[in-house]
Each structure stands twice: as structure tokens, then as C-alpha cells.
């Protein structure tokens, strides 16, 4: 019986730098979420998450002028509710040098939470993404 999967992965410092922005330009959006001052775009090469290991980029831009912003320390976690069981939780590994990674054991809708704390301020946002 599957009881809940908890994966604790290290968190990295995510900053938008020239190399990361160039990589992000070749990516397709999975989901874009606007908050009060920040727009967070989750993206990868295919424009969707799949079962197994996934690489992705989080792009943070100003909601006002759409220019990249530096968010400092960022994290991305997902959860999947399962009736009668503890939610399945997965955390992503984020690095400033390249794409983040996350792994999903199966398909289904995931609740995604992105948080940040740095020069652009402190914030968070939640949204849903399907793993196909």
C-alpha cells in the first residue's frame, strides 16, 4: 500500500542571469501565474510535465513591465491529494546555473507552490499543473 511519498531535495538560489534567460527563451510555458508584483512562468522544452524526471525553468518577471527580476532564494514544491491517504509531496532542485529538476512517480494533477525571498521581495504563489 502506497502511503505518501515525501521527497526532500535541496533548494538552490535562483537568479535570472543572461545564460538562464537565453535558455528560457527556447522553452515553452507550462503555466504562467501573476501575483501582485511578480509574474512566475514555469516552462520546459515540451510545455508540459510528464511522468518521471523533468527539467524546467522558473522565470520571474515584473508584473508591470515584464522585465526579469532577481528573486534570490526560490523553491518549488508539488503535492497530489489522494483520497484516504497522505498527499504525495515532491520538492524540486533549483540551481542558478541551469534548469531545475523534479521527478513524478505517476500522472495526475499537482498543486504547485512557488516561493521566493530576495532583492525583489518575499512572495509565493500556488497553481495547478497536470503531469501527463
C-alpha atoms as a PDB file:
ATOM      1  CA  UNK A   1       0.000   0.000   0.000  1.00  0.00           C
ATOM      2  CA  UNK A   2       1.396   3.321  -1.025  1.00  0.00           C
ATOM      3  CA  UNK A   3       1.464   5.641   1.983  1.00  0.00           C
ATOM      4  CA  UNK A   4       2.723   9.049   0.851  1.00  0.00           C
ATOM      5  CA  UNK A   5       5.888   9.832  -0.792  1.00  0.00           C
ATOM      6  CA  UNK A   6       7.941  12.597   0.642  1.00  0.00           C
ATOM      7  CA  UNK A   7      10.962  13.687  -1.255  1.00  0.00           C
ATOM      8  CA  UNK A   8      13.177  16.268   0.341  1.00  0.00           C
ATOM      9  CA  UNK A   9      15.504  17.815  -2.166  1.00  0.00           C
ATOM     10  CA  UNK A  10      17.905  20.633  -1.688  1.00  0.00           C
ATOM     11  CA  UNK A  11      16.844  24.126  -2.582  1.00  0.00           C
ATOM     12  CA  UNK A  12      19.038  26.384  -4.602  1.00  0.00           C
ATOM     13  CA  UNK A  13      19.397  30.032  -5.263  1.00  0.00           C
ATOM     14  CA  UNK A  14      17.586  31.017  -8.418  1.00  0.00           C
ATOM     15  CA  UNK A  15      18.517  34.206 -10.161  1.00  0.00           C
ATOM     16  CA  UNK A  16      17.738  35.329 -13.638  1.00  0.00           C
ATOM     17  CA  UNK A  17      21.058  35.707 -15.429  1.00  0.00           C
ATOM     18  CA  UNK A  18      21.902  36.061 -19.080  1.00  0.00           C
ATOM     19  CA  UNK A  19      22.565  32.356 -19.646  1.00  0.00           C
ATOM     20  CA  UNK A  20      19.382  31.282 -17.875  1.00  0.00           C
ATOM     21  CA  UNK A  21      17.323  33.895 -19.713  1.00  0.00           C
ATOM     22  CA  UNK A  22      18.714  32.646 -23.036  1.00  0.00           C
ATOM     23  CA  UNK A  23      17.785  29.073 -22.087  1.00  0.00           C
ATOM     24  CA  UNK A  24      14.314  30.231 -21.056  1.00  0.00           C
ATOM     25  CA  UNK A  25      13.806  31.837 -24.483  1.00  0.00           C
ATOM     26  CA  UNK A  26      13.854  28.348 -26.046  1.00  0.00           C
ATOM     27  CA  UNK A  27      11.301  26.995 -23.568  1.00  0.00           C
ATOM     28  CA  UNK A  28       7.527  26.606 -23.829  1.00  0.00           C
ATOM     29  CA  UNK A  29       5.291  27.736 -20.951  1.00  0.00           C
ATOM     30  CA  UNK A  30       3.703  25.054 -18.785  1.00  0.00           C
ATOM     31  CA  UNK A  31       1.899  27.653 -16.644  1.00  0.00           C
ATOM     32  CA  UNK A  32       2.075  31.404 -16.030  1.00  0.00           C
ATOM     33  CA  UNK A  33       0.846  32.810 -12.726  1.00  0.00           C
ATOM     34  CA  UNK A  34       0.568  36.505 -11.888  1.00  0.00           C
ATOM     35  CA  UNK A  35       0.803  37.755  -8.337  1.00  0.00           C
ATOM     36  CA  UNK A  36       0.582  41.340  -7.168  1.00  0.00           C
ATOM     37  CA  UNK A  37       4.029  42.434  -8.419  1.00  0.00           C
ATOM     38  CA  UNK A  38       5.584  39.306  -9.948  1.00  0.00           C
ATOM     39  CA  UNK A  39       4.746  37.027 -12.859  1.00  0.00           C
ATOM     40  CA  UNK A  40       6.063  33.470 -12.467  1.00  0.00           C
ATOM     41  CA  UNK A  41       6.387  31.353 -15.602  1.00  0.00           C
ATOM     42  CA  UNK A  42       7.047  27.629 -15.275  1.00  0.00           C
ATOM     43  CA  UNK A  43       8.446  26.305 -18.557  1.00  0.00           C
ATOM     44  CA  UNK A  44      10.361  23.481 -20.230  1.00  0.00           C
ATOM     45  CA  UNK A  45      11.179  22.227 -23.721  1.00  0.00           C
ATOM     46  CA  UNK A  46       7.843  20.442 -24.291  1.00  0.00           C
ATOM     47  CA  UNK A  47       5.473  22.806 -22.456  1.00  0.00           C
ATOM     48  CA  UNK A  48       4.253  20.053 -20.088  1.00  0.00           C
ATOM     49  CA  UNK A  49       5.406  17.849 -17.233  1.00  0.00           C
ATOM     50  CA  UNK A  50       5.499  14.092 -17.730  1.00  0.00           C
ATOM     51  CA  UNK A  51       5.813  11.038 -15.531  1.00  0.00           C
ATOM     52  CA  UNK A  52       9.467  10.564 -14.492  1.00  0.00           C
ATOM     53  CA  UNK A  53      12.255  13.136 -14.325  1.00  0.00           C
ATOM     54  CA  UNK A  54      11.532  16.635 -15.642  1.00  0.00           C
ATOM     55  CA  UNK A  55      13.818  19.595 -16.245  1.00  0.00           C
ATOM     56  CA  UNK A  56      12.231  23.039 -16.048  1.00  0.00           C
ATOM     57  CA  UNK A  57      12.958  26.748 -15.729  1.00  0.00           C
ATOM     58  CA  UNK A  58      11.198  29.228 -13.466  1.00  0.00           C
ATOM     59  CA  UNK A  59      11.185  32.723 -14.904  1.00  0.00           C
ATOM     60  CA  UNK A  60      10.349  35.653 -12.646  1.00  0.00           C
ATOM     61  CA  UNK A  61       9.390  38.944 -14.295  1.00  0.00           C
ATOM     62  CA  UNK A  62       7.920  42.219 -13.132  1.00  0.00           C
ATOM     63  CA  UNK A  63       4.127  42.171 -13.497  1.00  0.00           C
ATOM     64  CA  UNK A  64       4.347  45.844 -14.527  1.00  0.00           C
ATOM     65  CA  UNK A  65       6.994  45.975 -17.241  1.00  0.00           C
ATOM     66  CA  UNK A  66       7.672  42.252 -17.873  1.00  0.00           C
ATOM     67  CA  UNK A  67      11.430  42.692 -17.236  1.00  0.00           C
ATOM     68  CA  UNK A  68      13.318  39.843 -15.479  1.00  0.00           C
ATOM     69  CA  UNK A  69      13.742  40.323 -11.745  1.00  0.00           C
ATOM     70  CA  UNK A  70      16.129  38.786  -9.239  1.00  0.00           C
ATOM     71  CA  UNK A  71      14.220  36.817  -6.624  1.00  0.00           C
ATOM     72  CA  UNK A  72      17.120  35.372  -4.614  1.00  0.00           C
ATOM     73  CA  UNK A  73      16.255  32.104  -2.893  1.00  0.00           C
ATOM     74  CA  UNK A  74      13.364  30.286  -4.583  1.00  0.00           C
ATOM     75  CA  UNK A  75      11.648  26.949  -4.041  1.00  0.00           C
ATOM     76  CA  UNK A  76       9.105  24.850  -5.916  1.00  0.00           C
ATOM     77  CA  UNK A  77       7.115  22.071  -4.271  1.00  0.00           C
ATOM     78  CA  UNK A  78       4.211  19.987  -5.517  1.00  0.00           C
ATOM     79  CA  UNK A  79       1.541  17.920  -3.813  1.00  0.00           C
ATOM     80  CA  UNK A  80      -1.071  15.497  -5.079  1.00  0.00           C
ATOM     81  CA  UNK A  81      -4.088  14.713  -2.933  1.00  0.00           C
ATOM     82  CA  UNK A  82      -5.102  11.074  -2.760  1.00  0.00           C
ATOM     83  CA  UNK A  83      -8.380  10.015  -1.105  1.00  0.00           C
ATOM     84  CA  UNK A  84      -7.802   8.159   2.157  1.00  0.00           C
ATOM     85  CA  UNK A  85      -4.035   8.675   2.014  1.00  0.00           C
ATOM     86  CA  UNK A  86      -1.470  11.325   2.851  1.00  0.00           C
ATOM     87  CA  UNK A  87      -0.749  13.654  -0.077  1.00  0.00           C
ATOM     88  CA  UNK A  88       2.197  12.781  -2.292  1.00  0.00           C
ATOM     89  CA  UNK A  89       4.723  15.607  -1.990  1.00  0.00           C
ATOM     90  CA  UNK A  90       7.721  16.325  -4.230  1.00  0.00           C
ATOM     91  CA  UNK A  91      10.230  19.144  -3.998  1.00  0.00           C
ATOM     92  CA  UNK A  92      12.341  20.415  -6.863  1.00  0.00           C
ATOM     93  CA  UNK A  93      16.045  21.035  -7.025  1.00  0.00           C
ATOM     94  CA  UNK A  94      16.755  24.581  -8.224  1.00  0.00           C
ATOM     95  CA  UNK A  95      20.132  25.963  -9.270  1.00  0.00           C
ATOM     96  CA  UNK A  96      21.209  29.383 -10.552  1.00  0.00           C
ATOM     97  CA  UNK A  97      23.306  27.837 -13.340  1.00  0.00           C
ATOM     98  CA  UNK A  98      20.692  25.841 -15.230  1.00  0.00           C
ATOM     99  CA  UNK A  99      17.316  24.145 -15.218  1.00  0.00           C
ATOM    100  CA  UNK A 100      15.614  22.848 -12.101  1.00  0.00           C
ATOM    101  CA  UNK A 101      14.625  19.189 -11.831  1.00  0.00           C
ATOM    102  CA  UNK A 102      11.675  17.339 -10.340  1.00  0.00           C
ATOM    103  CA  UNK A 103      10.515  13.732 -10.559  1.00  0.00           C
ATOM    104  CA  UNK A 104       6.959  12.380 -10.594  1.00  0.00           C
ATOM    105  CA  UNK A 105       6.146   8.679  -9.977  1.00  0.00           C
ATOM    106  CA  UNK A 106       2.814   8.902 -11.807  1.00  0.00           C
ATOM    107  CA  UNK A 107       0.403  11.089 -13.762  1.00  0.00           C
ATOM    108  CA  UNK A 108      -2.241  13.405 -12.362  1.00  0.00           C
ATOM    109  CA  UNK A 109      -2.966  16.951 -11.238  1.00  0.00           C
ATOM    110  CA  UNK A 110      -0.393  18.531  -8.918  1.00  0.00           C
ATOM    111  CA  UNK A 111      -0.788  21.613  -6.748  1.00  0.00           C
ATOM    112  CA  UNK A 112       2.369  23.679  -7.233  1.00  0.00           C
ATOM    113  CA  UNK A 113       3.704  26.149  -4.673  1.00  0.00           C
ATOM    114  CA  UNK A 114       6.487  28.553  -5.669  1.00  0.00           C
ATOM    115  CA  UNK A 115       8.115  30.774  -3.028  1.00  0.00           C
ATOM    116  CA  UNK A 116      10.884  33.358  -3.234  1.00  0.00           C
ATOM    117  CA  UNK A 117      12.804  35.675  -0.929  1.00  0.00           C
ATOM    118  CA  UNK A 118      15.384  38.147  -2.192  1.00  0.00           C
ATOM    119  CA  UNK A 119      16.007  41.572  -3.738  1.00  0.00           C
ATOM    120  CA  UNK A 120      12.567  41.619  -5.405  1.00  0.00           C
ATOM    121  CA  UNK A 121      10.914  40.948  -2.042  1.00  0.00           C
ATOM    122  CA  UNK A 122       9.307  37.927  -0.479  1.00  0.00           C
ATOM    123  CA  UNK A 123       6.357  36.151  -2.052  1.00  0.00           C
ATOM    124  CA  UNK A 124       4.615  32.966  -3.045  1.00  0.00           C
ATOM    125  CA  UNK A 125       2.015  31.677  -5.454  1.00  0.00           C
ATOM    126  CA  UNK A 126       0.021  28.474  -5.939  1.00  0.00           C
ATOM    127  CA  UNK A 127      -1.424  26.895  -9.078  1.00  0.00           C
ATOM    128  CA  UNK A 128      -2.324  23.518 -10.556  1.00  0.00           C
ATOM    129  CA  UNK A 129      -0.395  21.659 -13.272  1.00  0.00           C
ATOM    130  CA  UNK A 130      -1.130  18.281 -14.869  1.00  0.00           C
ATOM    131  CA  UNK A 131       1.524  15.590 -15.152  1.00  0.00           C
ATOM    132  CA  UNK A 132       0.845  13.631 -18.357  1.00  0.00           C
END
